[in-house]
Amino acid sequence: MLSEAAQEAFEHVKEEMMVLNHVFVQDKFTMGQLGSDNAKYFFSVRDSIIYRSNSLMWHTSQLSSIHADLELQLHSSFLAGMHTAELLPSHQAGLHYLFDDIVFGNVSLLDYVANLVGLVFEGFAQRGKYKWNSAFKSAASNHGPLSSSETGSLLIQAHKDWVNCLQAYRGDLIHTHAILGNASHEWKFDASGMQLSLRVVIPSNLKKLFTRIPQPHDKLDICSAAEMIGITSANLSANILSSLITRVRTNSNKPWIRDPDTTS
């Protein structure tokens, strides 16, 4: 039930991650200097990014599948003479449970990618310390190698265009209150019989995330929104990983082999 565009976006993240892994592994001088603990940590971040991409594919596909199943339930309830409006609150909530997880997962993916940014630009002494906001602040600081790099430019643009709003929405979910979009259903009769559809639209808080999408944002359904969030975050992640690949391949000043503990 996952669209081809979403599938390709998440697969692209995994492909770029494995290219970066290949660059580290094939550069024997780099790997020889990493030390076992740092190598294990790099592989842990690699596996976490692949895990998160797979998780987002699964959650987004599940959301679409459950939405389709709920439409069938509503259709059966209508034919059985039940009042379908009474079923909508539970249907709406179930879809939002998964949608919230998808939002959390997208922000988590971006944090994992930012962790790699820290490793490449600051070295393994910074392992575990970099998340998206710390990487963005470093990129916007106007000093240090990240601020003058292609990766830094990508971080700054992505934060302004997308990540800041996505994080703000997640923050409201975590710290303030549950956020639900409106739910409705409609039915129509045609030659094939009665057709019933369920529609759960995105919460109003999310509209500013989609200002560049040429469609009515208040009518954007939750399944389409989940895919759009995933595609956008995945494309940003893949672009940043690609810039890290270039950095590792071409940079002679390699902070990831200069930490005091990398010779152990």
C-alpha atoms as a PDB file:
ATOM      1  CA  MET A   1       0.000   0.000   0.000  1.00  0.00           C
ATOM      2  CA  LEU A   2       3.061   2.274   0.009  1.00  0.00           C
ATOM      3  CA  SER A   3       3.341   4.524  -3.051  1.00  0.00           C
ATOM      4  CA  GLU A   4       6.229   4.067  -5.465  1.00  0.00           C
ATOM      5  CA  ALA A   5       7.514   7.570  -4.685  1.00  0.00           C
ATOM      6  CA  ALA A   6       7.644   6.887  -0.934  1.00  0.00           C
ATOM      7  CA  GLN A   7       9.256   3.492  -1.468  1.00  0.00           C
ATOM      8  CA  GLU A   8      11.954   5.036  -3.663  1.00  0.00           C
ATOM      9  CA  ALA A   9      12.637   7.854  -1.184  1.00  0.00           C
ATOM     10  CA  PHE A  10      13.235   5.512   1.756  1.00  0.00           C
ATOM     11  CA  GLU A  11      15.270   3.092  -0.369  1.00  0.00           C
ATOM     12  CA  HIS A  12      17.421   6.019  -1.494  1.00  0.00           C
ATOM     13  CA  VAL A  13      18.305   6.811   2.130  1.00  0.00           C
ATOM     14  CA  LYS A  14      19.459   3.226   2.674  1.00  0.00           C
ATOM     15  CA  GLU A  15      21.433   3.232  -0.566  1.00  0.00           C
ATOM     16  CA  GLU A  16      23.261   6.449   0.332  1.00  0.00           C
ATOM     17  CA  MET A  17      23.982   5.107   3.806  1.00  0.00           C
ATOM     18  CA  MET A  18      25.552   1.977   2.346  1.00  0.00           C
ATOM     19  CA  VAL A  19      27.656   4.053  -0.060  1.00  0.00           C
ATOM     20  CA  LEU A  20      28.960   6.046   2.914  1.00  0.00           C
ATOM     21  CA  ASN A  21      29.622   2.768   4.710  1.00  0.00           C
ATOM     22  CA  HIS A  22      31.516   1.507   1.658  1.00  0.00           C
ATOM     23  CA  VAL A  23      33.687   4.643   1.601  1.00  0.00           C
ATOM     24  CA  PHE A  24      34.657   4.122   5.235  1.00  0.00           C
ATOM     25  CA  VAL A  25      35.275   0.394   4.858  1.00  0.00           C
ATOM     26  CA  GLN A  26      37.240   0.645   1.596  1.00  0.00           C
ATOM     27  CA  ASP A  27      39.440   3.493   2.822  1.00  0.00           C
ATOM     28  CA  LYS A  28      41.873   1.209   4.650  1.00  0.00           C
ATOM     29  CA  PHE A  29      43.819   4.105   6.112  1.00  0.00           C
ATOM     30  CA  THR A  30      40.663   5.485   7.715  1.00  0.00           C
ATOM     31  CA  MET A  31      39.432   2.113   8.973  1.00  0.00           C
ATOM     32  CA  GLY A  32      42.877   1.240  10.245  1.00  0.00           C
ATOM     33  CA  GLN A  33      42.872   4.345  12.377  1.00  0.00           C
ATOM     34  CA  LEU A  34      39.307   4.163  13.668  1.00  0.00           C
ATOM     35  CA  GLY A  35      39.786   1.600  16.388  1.00  0.00           C
ATOM     36  CA  SER A  36      37.268  -1.121  17.142  1.00  0.00           C
ATOM     37  CA  ASP A  37      35.038   0.927  19.451  1.00  0.00           C
ATOM     38  CA  ASN A  38      34.639   3.757  16.944  1.00  0.00           C
ATOM     39  CA  ALA A  39      34.087   1.339  14.063  1.00  0.00           C
ATOM     40  CA  LYS A  40      31.361  -0.432  16.052  1.00  0.00           C
ATOM     41  CA  TYR A  41      29.713   2.902  16.801  1.00  0.00           C
ATOM     42  CA  PHE A  42      29.742   3.922  13.139  1.00  0.00           C
ATOM     43  CA  PHE A  43      28.143   0.607  12.191  1.00  0.00           C
ATOM     44  CA  SER A  44      25.568   1.090  14.944  1.00  0.00           C
ATOM     45  CA  VAL A  45      24.525   4.453  13.485  1.00  0.00           C
ATOM     46  CA  ARG A  46      24.475   2.922  10.004  1.00  0.00           C
ATOM     47  CA  ASP A  47      22.185   0.113  11.139  1.00  0.00           C
ATOM     48  CA  SER A  48      19.961   2.571  13.029  1.00  0.00           C
ATOM     49  CA  ILE A  49      19.401   4.663   9.894  1.00  0.00           C
ATOM     50  CA  ILE A  50      18.497   1.574   7.888  1.00  0.00           C
ATOM     51  CA  TYR A  51      16.212   0.390  10.704  1.00  0.00           C
ATOM     52  CA  ARG A  52      14.451   3.743  10.898  1.00  0.00           C
ATOM     53  CA  SER A  53      13.944   3.869   7.131  1.00  0.00           C
ATOM     54  CA  ASN A  54      12.441   0.373   7.181  1.00  0.00           C
ATOM     55  CA  SER A  55      10.283   1.298  10.160  1.00  0.00           C
ATOM     56  CA  LEU A  56       8.909   4.367   8.395  1.00  0.00           C
ATOM     57  CA  MET A  57       8.116   2.330   5.291  1.00  0.00           C
ATOM     58  CA  TRP A  58       6.260  -0.200   7.440  1.00  0.00           C
ATOM     59  CA  HIS A  59       4.343   2.371   9.497  1.00  0.00           C
ATOM     60  CA  THR A  60       3.315   4.396   6.445  1.00  0.00           C
ATOM     61  CA  SER A  61       2.178   1.272   4.607  1.00  0.00           C
ATOM     62  CA  GLN A  62       0.277   0.117   7.706  1.00  0.00           C
ATOM     63  CA  LEU A  63      -1.513   3.463   7.945  1.00  0.00           C
ATOM     64  CA  SER A  64      -2.751   3.117   4.385  1.00  0.00           C
ATOM     65  CA  SER A  65      -3.779  -0.516   4.898  1.00  0.00           C
ATOM     66  CA  ILE A  66      -5.650   0.208   8.126  1.00  0.00           C
ATOM     67  CA  HIS A  67      -7.422   3.144   6.463  1.00  0.00           C
ATOM     68  CA  ALA A  68      -8.629   0.799   3.706  1.00  0.00           C
ATOM     69  CA  ASP A  69      -9.764  -1.792   6.278  1.00  0.00           C
ATOM     70  CA  LEU A  70     -11.675   0.847   8.220  1.00  0.00           C
ATOM     71  CA  GLU A  71     -13.511   1.896   5.081  1.00  0.00           C
ATOM     72  CA  LEU A  72     -14.621  -1.705   4.633  1.00  0.00           C
ATOM     73  CA  GLN A  73     -15.804  -1.806   8.245  1.00  0.00           C
ATOM     74  CA  LEU A  74     -17.802   1.374   7.763  1.00  0.00           C
ATOM     75  CA  HIS A  75     -19.291  -0.030   4.586  1.00  0.00           C
ATOM     76  CA  SER A  76     -20.361  -3.211   6.385  1.00  0.00           C
ATOM     77  CA  SER A  77     -21.782  -1.212   9.290  1.00  0.00           C
ATOM     78  CA  PHE A  78     -23.807   0.935   6.927  1.00  0.00           C
ATOM     79  CA  LEU A  79     -25.266  -2.125   5.209  1.00  0.00           C
ATOM     80  CA  ALA A  80     -26.061  -3.631   8.623  1.00  0.00           C
ATOM     81  CA  GLY A  81     -28.017  -0.524   9.579  1.00  0.00           C
ATOM     82  CA  MET A  82     -25.584   0.803  12.163  1.00  0.00           C
ATOM     83  CA  HIS A  83     -25.065   4.528  12.569  1.00  0.00           C
ATOM     84  CA  THR A  84     -21.652   5.064  10.953  1.00  0.00           C
ATOM     85  CA  ALA A  85     -21.042   8.423  12.641  1.00  0.00           C
ATOM     86  CA  GLU A  86     -20.712   6.633  15.967  1.00  0.00           C
ATOM     87  CA  LEU A  87     -17.786   4.619  14.585  1.00  0.00           C
ATOM     88  CA  LEU A  88     -15.780   7.585  13.344  1.00  0.00           C
ATOM     89  CA  PRO A  89     -14.093   8.680  16.632  1.00  0.00           C
ATOM     90  CA  SER A  90     -12.411   5.318  17.182  1.00  0.00           C
ATOM     91  CA  HIS A  91     -11.460   5.087  13.503  1.00  0.00           C
ATOM     92  CA  GLN A  92     -10.027   8.583  13.606  1.00  0.00           C
ATOM     93  CA  ALA A  93      -8.009   7.928  16.763  1.00  0.00           C
ATOM     94  CA  GLY A  94      -6.539   4.667  15.462  1.00  0.00           C
ATOM     95  CA  LEU A  95      -5.206   6.359  12.356  1.00  0.00           C
ATOM     96  CA  HIS A  96      -3.696   9.176  14.395  1.00  0.00           C
ATOM     97  CA  TYR A  97      -1.911   6.725  16.685  1.00  0.00           C
ATOM     98  CA  LEU A  98       0.067   5.538  13.680  1.00  0.00           C
ATOM     99  CA  PHE A  99       0.406   9.004  12.174  1.00  0.00           C
ATOM    100  CA  ASP A 100       1.993  10.308  15.390  1.00  0.00           C
ATOM    101  CA  ASP A 101       4.474   7.425  15.306  1.00  0.00           C
ATOM    102  CA  ILE A 102       5.344   8.349  11.727  1.00  0.00           C
ATOM    103  CA  VAL A 103       6.051  11.955  12.753  1.00  0.00           C
ATOM    104  CA  PHE A 104       8.261  10.767  15.630  1.00  0.00           C
ATOM    105  CA  GLY A 105      10.075   8.364  13.316  1.00  0.00           C
ATOM    106  CA  ASN A 106      10.818  11.030  10.722  1.00  0.00           C
ATOM    107  CA  VAL A 107      12.372  13.337  13.301  1.00  0.00           C
ATOM    108  CA  SER A 108      14.342  10.394  14.678  1.00  0.00           C
ATOM    109  CA  LEU A 109      15.728   9.626  11.211  1.00  0.00           C
ATOM    110  CA  LEU A 110      16.920  13.216  10.875  1.00  0.00           C
ATOM    111  CA  ASP A 111      18.603  13.013  14.296  1.00  0.00           C
ATOM    112  CA  TYR A 112      20.433   9.833  13.266  1.00  0.00           C
ATOM    113  CA  VAL A 113      21.679  11.509  10.080  1.00  0.00           C
ATOM    114  CA  ALA A 114      22.837  14.526  12.095  1.00  0.00           C
ATOM    115  CA  ASN A 115      24.813  12.142  14.311  1.00  0.00           C
ATOM    116  CA  LEU A 116      26.804  11.108  11.238  1.00  0.00           C
ATOM    117  CA  VAL A 117      27.360  14.778  10.408  1.00  0.00           C
ATOM    118  CA  GLY A 118      28.982  15.164  13.824  1.00  0.00           C
ATOM    119  CA  LEU A 119      31.185  12.114  13.274  1.00  0.00           C
ATOM    120  CA  VAL A 120      32.422  13.304   9.885  1.00  0.00           C
ATOM    121  CA  PHE A 121      33.039  16.938  10.813  1.00  0.00           C
ATOM    122  CA  GLU A 122      33.967  16.719  14.491  1.00  0.00           C
ATOM    123  CA  GLY A 123      35.276  13.170  14.929  1.00  0.00           C
ATOM    124  CA  PHE A 124      34.300  10.268  17.130  1.00  0.00           C
ATOM    125  CA  ALA A 125      34.941  12.253  20.307  1.00  0.00           C
ATOM    126  CA  GLN A 126      31.522  13.778  19.541  1.00  0.00           C
ATOM    127  CA  ARG A 127      29.748  10.467  19.027  1.00  0.00           C
ATOM    128  CA  GLY A 128      26.244  10.494  20.425  1.00  0.00           C
ATOM    129  CA  LYS A 129      26.345  14.248  21.066  1.00  0.00           C
ATOM    130  CA  TYR A 130      25.040  15.436  17.718  1.00  0.00           C
ATOM    131  CA  LYS A 131      21.333  15.571  16.995  1.00  0.00           C
ATOM    132  CA  TRP A 132      19.610  17.669  14.370  1.00  0.00           C
ATOM    133  CA  ASN A 133      19.485  20.911  16.363  1.00  0.00           C
ATOM    134  CA  SER A 134      23.122  20.739  17.448  1.00  0.00           C
ATOM    135  CA  ALA A 135      24.207  20.061  13.852  1.00  0.00           C
ATOM    136  CA  PHE A 136      22.076  22.953  12.609  1.00  0.00           C
ATOM    137  CA  LYS A 137      23.499  25.335  15.220  1.00  0.00           C
ATOM    138  CA  SER A 138      27.029  24.331  14.259  1.00  0.00           C
ATOM    139  CA  ALA A 139      26.242  24.875  10.571  1.00  0.00           C
ATOM    140  CA  ALA A 140      24.743  28.304  11.275  1.00  0.00           C
ATOM    141  CA  SER A 141      27.526  29.426  13.623  1.00  0.00           C
ATOM    142  CA  ASN A 142      29.766  30.947  10.892  1.00  0.00           C
ATOM    143  CA  HIS A 143      32.827  29.172  12.272  1.00  0.00           C
ATOM    144  CA  GLY A 144      34.196  25.658  11.972  1.00  0.00           C
ATOM    145  CA  PRO A 145      34.335  23.330   8.960  1.00  0.00           C
ATOM    146  CA  LEU A 146      30.612  22.494   8.929  1.00  0.00           C
ATOM    147  CA  SER A 147      29.497  26.114   8.524  1.00  0.00           C
ATOM    148  CA  SER A 148      31.452  26.556   5.278  1.00  0.00           C
ATOM    149  CA  SER A 149      30.546  23.191   3.764  1.00  0.00           C
ATOM    150  CA  GLU A 150      27.946  21.845   1.369  1.00  0.00           C
ATOM    151  CA  THR A 151      26.559  19.769   4.235  1.00  0.00           C
ATOM    152  CA  GLY A 152      26.178  22.870   6.384  1.00  0.00           C
ATOM    153  CA  SER A 153      24.266  24.676   3.641  1.00  0.00           C
ATOM    154  CA  LEU A 154      21.932  21.701   3.257  1.00  0.00           C
ATOM    155  CA  LEU A 155      21.306  21.602   7.010  1.00  0.00           C
ATOM    156  CA  ILE A 156      20.488  25.305   7.206  1.00  0.00           C
ATOM    157  CA  GLN A 157      18.104  25.218   4.232  1.00  0.00           C
ATOM    158  CA  ALA A 158      16.414  22.024   5.403  1.00  0.00           C
ATOM    159  CA  HIS A 159      15.908  23.416   8.900  1.00  0.00           C
ATOM    160  CA  LYS A 160      14.264  26.592   7.599  1.00  0.00           C
ATOM    161  CA  ASP A 161      12.132  24.891   4.966  1.00  0.00           C
ATOM    162  CA  TRP A 162      11.057  21.753   6.804  1.00  0.00           C
ATOM    163  CA  VAL A 163      12.632  20.407   9.968  1.00  0.00           C
ATOM    164  CA  ASN A 164      11.895  23.334  12.276  1.00  0.00           C
ATOM    165  CA  CYS A 165       8.151  23.086  11.597  1.00  0.00           C
ATOM    166  CA  LEU A 166       8.175  19.292  11.861  1.00  0.00           C
ATOM    167  CA  GLN A 167       9.970  19.455  15.208  1.00  0.00           C
ATOM    168  CA  ALA A 168       7.550  22.102  16.478  1.00  0.00           C
ATOM    169  CA  TYR A 169       4.610  19.868  15.619  1.00  0.00           C
ATOM    170  CA  ARG A 170       6.262  16.890  17.310  1.00  0.00           C
ATOM    171  CA  GLY A 171       6.963  19.061  20.359  1.00  0.00           C
ATOM    172  CA  ASP A 172       3.274  19.928  20.635  1.00  0.00           C
ATOM    173  CA  LEU A 173       2.393  16.234  20.427  1.00  0.00           C
ATOM    174  CA  ILE A 174       4.873  15.302  23.139  1.00  0.00           C
ATOM    175  CA  HIS A 175       4.522  18.201  25.549  1.00  0.00           C
ATOM    176  CA  THR A 176       1.156  19.864  25.007  1.00  0.00           C
ATOM    177  CA  HIS A 177      -1.782  17.792  23.764  1.00  0.00           C
ATOM    178  CA  ALA A 178      -3.012  15.211  21.288  1.00  0.00           C
ATOM    179  CA  ILE A 179      -3.696  16.737  17.885  1.00  0.00           C
ATOM    180  CA  LEU A 180      -6.420  15.311  15.670  1.00  0.00           C
ATOM    181  CA  GLY A 181      -7.702  16.257  12.254  1.00  0.00           C
ATOM    182  CA  ASN A 182     -11.373  16.164  11.356  1.00  0.00           C
ATOM    183  CA  ALA A 183     -12.897  12.879  10.223  1.00  0.00           C
ATOM    184  CA  SER A 184     -15.834  12.381   7.906  1.00  0.00           C
ATOM    185  CA  HIS A 185     -17.371   9.758   5.682  1.00  0.00           C
ATOM    186  CA  GLU A 186     -19.489   9.889   2.578  1.00  0.00           C
ATOM    187  CA  TRP A 187     -21.350   7.413   0.469  1.00  0.00           C
ATOM    188  CA  LYS A 188     -22.685   7.383  -3.051  1.00  0.00           C
ATOM    189  CA  PHE A 189     -24.632   5.008  -5.230  1.00  0.00           C
ATOM    190  CA  ASP A 190     -23.676   4.035  -8.746  1.00  0.00           C
ATOM    191  CA  ALA A 191     -24.131   1.090 -11.089  1.00  0.00           C
ATOM    192  CA  SER A 192     -21.863  -1.080  -8.943  1.00  0.00           C
ATOM    193  CA  GLY A 193     -23.784  -0.335  -5.773  1.00  0.00           C
ATOM    194  CA  MET A 194     -23.101   1.729  -2.671  1.00  0.00           C
ATOM    195  CA  GLN A 195     -19.584   3.155  -2.247  1.00  0.00           C
ATOM    196  CA  LEU A 196     -18.409   4.509   1.107  1.00  0.00           C
ATOM    197  CA  SER A 197     -15.215   6.434   1.819  1.00  0.00           C
ATOM    198  CA  LEU A 198     -13.544   7.537   5.046  1.00  0.00           C
ATOM    199  CA  ARG A 199     -11.618  10.787   5.152  1.00  0.00           C
ATOM    200  CA  VAL A 200      -9.369  11.940   7.997  1.00  0.00           C
ATOM    201  CA  VAL A 201      -7.730  15.268   7.195  1.00  0.00           C
ATOM    202  CA  ILE A 202      -4.484  16.566   8.623  1.00  0.00           C
ATOM    203  CA  PRO A 203      -4.567  18.690  11.786  1.00  0.00           C
ATOM    204  CA  SER A 204      -4.551  22.439  11.176  1.00  0.00           C
ATOM    205  CA  ASN A 205      -1.175  22.658  12.980  1.00  0.00           C
ATOM    206  CA  LEU A 206       0.398  20.829  10.057  1.00  0.00           C
ATOM    207  CA  LYS A 207      -0.759  23.136   7.277  1.00  0.00           C
ATOM    208  CA  LYS A 208       2.387  25.270   7.375  1.00  0.00           C
ATOM    209  CA  LEU A 209       4.470  22.157   6.683  1.00  0.00           C
ATOM    210  CA  PHE A 210       2.837  21.828   3.291  1.00  0.00           C
ATOM    211  CA  THR A 211       2.889  25.413   2.038  1.00  0.00           C
ATOM    212  CA  ARG A 212       4.839  24.375  -1.081  1.00  0.00           C
ATOM    213  CA  ILE A 213       2.372  21.684  -2.077  1.00  0.00           C
ATOM    214  CA  PRO A 214      -0.111  22.953  -4.711  1.00  0.00           C
ATOM    215  CA  GLN A 215      -3.317  21.599  -3.210  1.00  0.00           C
ATOM    216  CA  PRO A 216      -5.851  22.627  -0.548  1.00  0.00           C
ATOM    217  CA  HIS A 217      -4.017  21.908   2.693  1.00  0.00           C
ATOM    218  CA  ASP A 218      -7.172  21.723   4.762  1.00  0.00           C
ATOM    219  CA  LYS A 219      -8.323  18.860   2.527  1.00  0.00           C
ATOM    220  CA  LEU A 220      -5.075  16.880   2.654  1.00  0.00           C
ATOM    221  CA  ASP A 221      -5.885  13.440   4.035  1.00  0.00           C
ATOM    222  CA  ILE A 222      -3.785  11.776   6.700  1.00  0.00           C
ATOM    223  CA  CYS A 223      -2.423   8.970   4.486  1.00  0.00           C
ATOM    224  CA  SER A 224      -1.181  11.370   1.803  1.00  0.00           C
ATOM    225  CA  ALA A 225       0.293  13.635   4.490  1.00  0.00           C
ATOM    226  CA  ALA A 226       2.199  10.730   6.063  1.00  0.00           C
ATOM    227  CA  GLU A 227       3.738   9.842   2.716  1.00  0.00           C
ATOM    228  CA  MET A 228       4.627  13.469   1.955  1.00  0.00           C
ATOM    229  CA  ILE A 229       6.331  13.864   5.331  1.00  0.00           C
ATOM    230  CA  GLY A 230       8.274  10.663   4.746  1.00  0.00           C
ATOM    231  CA  ILE A 231       9.308  11.546   1.206  1.00  0.00           C
ATOM    232  CA  THR A 232      10.463  15.024   2.205  1.00  0.00           C
ATOM    233  CA  SER A 233      12.436  13.870   5.254  1.00  0.00           C
ATOM    234  CA  ALA A 234      13.929  10.935   3.341  1.00  0.00           C
ATOM    235  CA  ASN A 235      15.044  13.133   0.452  1.00  0.00           C
ATOM    236  CA  LEU A 236      16.658  15.596   2.862  1.00  0.00           C
ATOM    237  CA  SER A 237      18.415  12.742   4.651  1.00  0.00           C
ATOM    238  CA  ALA A 238      19.667  11.237   1.392  1.00  0.00           C
ATOM    239  CA  ASN A 239      21.011  14.607   0.216  1.00  0.00           C
ATOM    240  CA  ILE A 240      22.903  15.127   3.468  1.00  0.00           C
ATOM    241  CA  LEU A 241      24.320  11.601   3.353  1.00  0.00           C
ATOM    242  CA  SER A 242      25.432  12.230  -0.224  1.00  0.00           C
ATOM    243  CA  SER A 243      27.265  15.367   0.887  1.00  0.00           C
ATOM    244  CA  LEU A 244      28.980  13.367   3.636  1.00  0.00           C
ATOM    245  CA  ILE A 245      30.118  10.817   1.058  1.00  0.00           C
ATOM    246  CA  THR A 246      31.752  13.609  -0.925  1.00  0.00           C
ATOM    247  CA  ARG A 247      33.317  15.024   2.230  1.00  0.00           C
ATOM    248  CA  VAL A 248      34.863  11.707   3.290  1.00  0.00           C
ATOM    249  CA  ARG A 249      36.110  10.916  -0.217  1.00  0.00           C
ATOM    250  CA  THR A 250      37.774  14.252  -0.897  1.00  0.00           C
ATOM    251  CA  ASN A 251      38.785  15.732   2.442  1.00  0.00           C
ATOM    252  CA  SER A 252      42.420  15.208   3.429  1.00  0.00           C
ATOM    253  CA  ASN A 253      41.814  16.676   6.890  1.00  0.00           C
ATOM    254  CA  LYS A 254      40.012  13.747   8.493  1.00  0.00           C
ATOM    255  CA  PRO A 255      38.739  14.525  11.999  1.00  0.00           C
ATOM    256  CA  TRP A 256      37.244  11.056  12.343  1.00  0.00           C
ATOM    257  CA  ILE A 257      40.795   9.617  12.620  1.00  0.00           C
ATOM    258  CA  ARG A 258      42.263  12.299  14.861  1.00  0.00           C
ATOM    259  CA  ASP A 259      40.540  11.543  18.168  1.00  0.00           C
ATOM    260  CA  PRO A 260      42.799  10.464  21.039  1.00  0.00           C
ATOM    261  CA  ASP A 261      41.008   7.130  21.423  1.00  0.00           C
ATOM    262  CA  THR A 262      41.138   6.012  17.788  1.00  0.00           C
ATOM    263  CA  THR A 263      44.511   4.318  18.038  1.00  0.00           C
ATOM    264  CA  SER A 264      43.366   1.791  20.639  1.00  0.00           C
END
